[in-house]
Amino acid sequence: MVEYSFAVKNYIDCRVLWTDEVFEKIAVEVKCGNPKFSWEVVGVYRAPNEDMWVIERLAARTGFTGNSTKRSIIGGDLNLPYAD
């Protein structure tokens, strides 16, 4: 089993939402001062030799359909082909 981690300040309300057993991904929920507002923060690594299925799986996992009201921040190393 692979363990993933995210560094978050002690005073920030945060919990792990999910991890991906196939690819190196972790998502945490970070709550702001107002409990009605929260963010999904996703850390992801895509190896240079992986195909674009990693990105498709990420989109499905985060619920990104273009009409979602979810607030997400996605960061990491996606090693996107043809991107300079």
Protein backbone atom coordinates (compact mmCIF):
# COMPACT_ATOMS: atom_id res chain seq x y z
CA MET A 1 0.00 0.00 0.00
CA VAL A 2 1.31 3.43 -0.96
CA GLU A 3 1.03 6.30 1.53
CA TYR A 4 0.51 9.87 0.33
CA SER A 5 0.73 13.04 2.35
CA PHE A 6 -0.12 16.71 2.21
CA ALA A 7 1.42 19.37 4.44
CA VAL A 8 -1.23 21.62 6.02
CA LYS A 9 -0.90 24.13 8.86
CA ASN A 10 -2.33 22.94 12.20
CA TYR A 11 -4.97 25.66 12.39
CA ILE A 12 -6.51 24.79 8.98
CA ASP A 13 -9.43 22.36 9.01
CA CYS A 14 -8.46 19.62 6.57
CA ARG A 15 -9.28 15.96 5.89
CA VAL A 16 -8.31 13.39 3.27
CA LEU A 17 -11.07 12.82 0.71
CA TRP A 18 -9.49 10.10 -1.39
CA THR A 19 -6.27 8.61 -2.70
CA ASP A 20 -5.76 6.76 -5.96
CA GLU A 21 -4.22 3.30 -5.71
CA VAL A 22 -3.34 3.15 -9.43
CA PHE A 23 -1.72 6.56 -9.87
CA GLU A 24 0.02 8.91 -7.45
CA LYS A 25 -2.90 11.16 -6.46
CA ILE A 26 -4.34 12.47 -3.22
CA ALA A 27 -7.23 14.83 -2.55
CA VAL A 28 -7.94 16.71 0.64
CA GLU A 29 -10.80 18.96 1.67
CA VAL A 30 -9.75 22.30 3.11
CA LYS A 31 -12.40 24.34 4.92
CA CYS A 32 -12.25 28.11 5.01
CA GLY A 33 -13.32 30.38 7.89
CA ASN A 34 -16.94 30.06 6.76
CA PRO A 35 -17.94 26.36 7.10
CA LYS A 36 -20.13 26.61 3.98
CA PHE A 37 -17.04 27.10 1.81
CA SER A 38 -14.49 24.40 1.19
CA TRP A 39 -11.95 23.48 -1.45
CA GLU A 40 -10.86 20.14 -2.83
CA VAL A 41 -7.07 20.29 -3.21
CA VAL A 42 -5.60 17.53 -5.38
CA GLY A 43 -1.94 16.59 -5.69
CA VAL A 44 -1.07 14.43 -8.69
CA TYR A 45 1.98 13.02 -10.44
CA ARG A 46 1.82 11.64 -13.98
CA ALA A 47 4.90 9.73 -15.06
CA PRO A 48 6.22 10.80 -18.48
CA ASN A 49 5.59 7.33 -19.91
CA GLU A 50 1.91 7.17 -18.80
CA ASP A 51 -0.81 7.74 -21.37
CA MET A 52 -3.53 10.37 -21.03
CA TRP A 53 -5.79 7.92 -19.17
CA VAL A 54 -4.34 9.42 -15.99
CA ILE A 55 -5.91 12.78 -16.86
CA GLU A 56 -9.25 11.17 -17.77
CA ARG A 57 -9.28 9.30 -14.47
CA LEU A 58 -8.44 12.53 -12.62
CA ALA A 59 -11.34 14.35 -14.32
CA ALA A 60 -13.75 11.55 -13.41
CA ARG A 61 -12.52 11.41 -9.80
CA THR A 62 -12.81 15.16 -9.22
CA GLY A 63 -16.24 15.34 -10.84
CA PHE A 64 -15.06 17.82 -13.45
CA THR A 65 -17.84 17.76 -16.03
CA GLY A 66 -17.83 21.43 -16.94
CA ASN A 67 -21.05 22.21 -15.04
CA SER A 68 -19.92 21.31 -11.53
CA THR A 69 -20.04 23.82 -8.69
CA LYS A 70 -17.24 22.07 -6.84
CA ARG A 71 -14.18 24.23 -6.12
CA SER A 72 -10.99 22.32 -6.88
CA ILE A 73 -7.31 23.17 -7.04
CA ILE A 74 -5.19 20.65 -8.92
CA GLY A 75 -1.42 20.81 -8.72
CA GLY A 76 1.54 18.60 -9.26
CA ASP A 77 3.57 17.28 -12.16
CA LEU A 78 1.35 16.21 -15.04
CA ASN A 79 4.20 15.84 -17.57
CA LEU A 80 1.85 16.85 -20.35
CA PRO A 81 3.10 15.97 -23.83
CA TYR A 82 3.63 18.83 -26.28
CA ALA A 83 3.50 21.45 -23.50
CA ASP A 84 6.45 23.83 -23.36
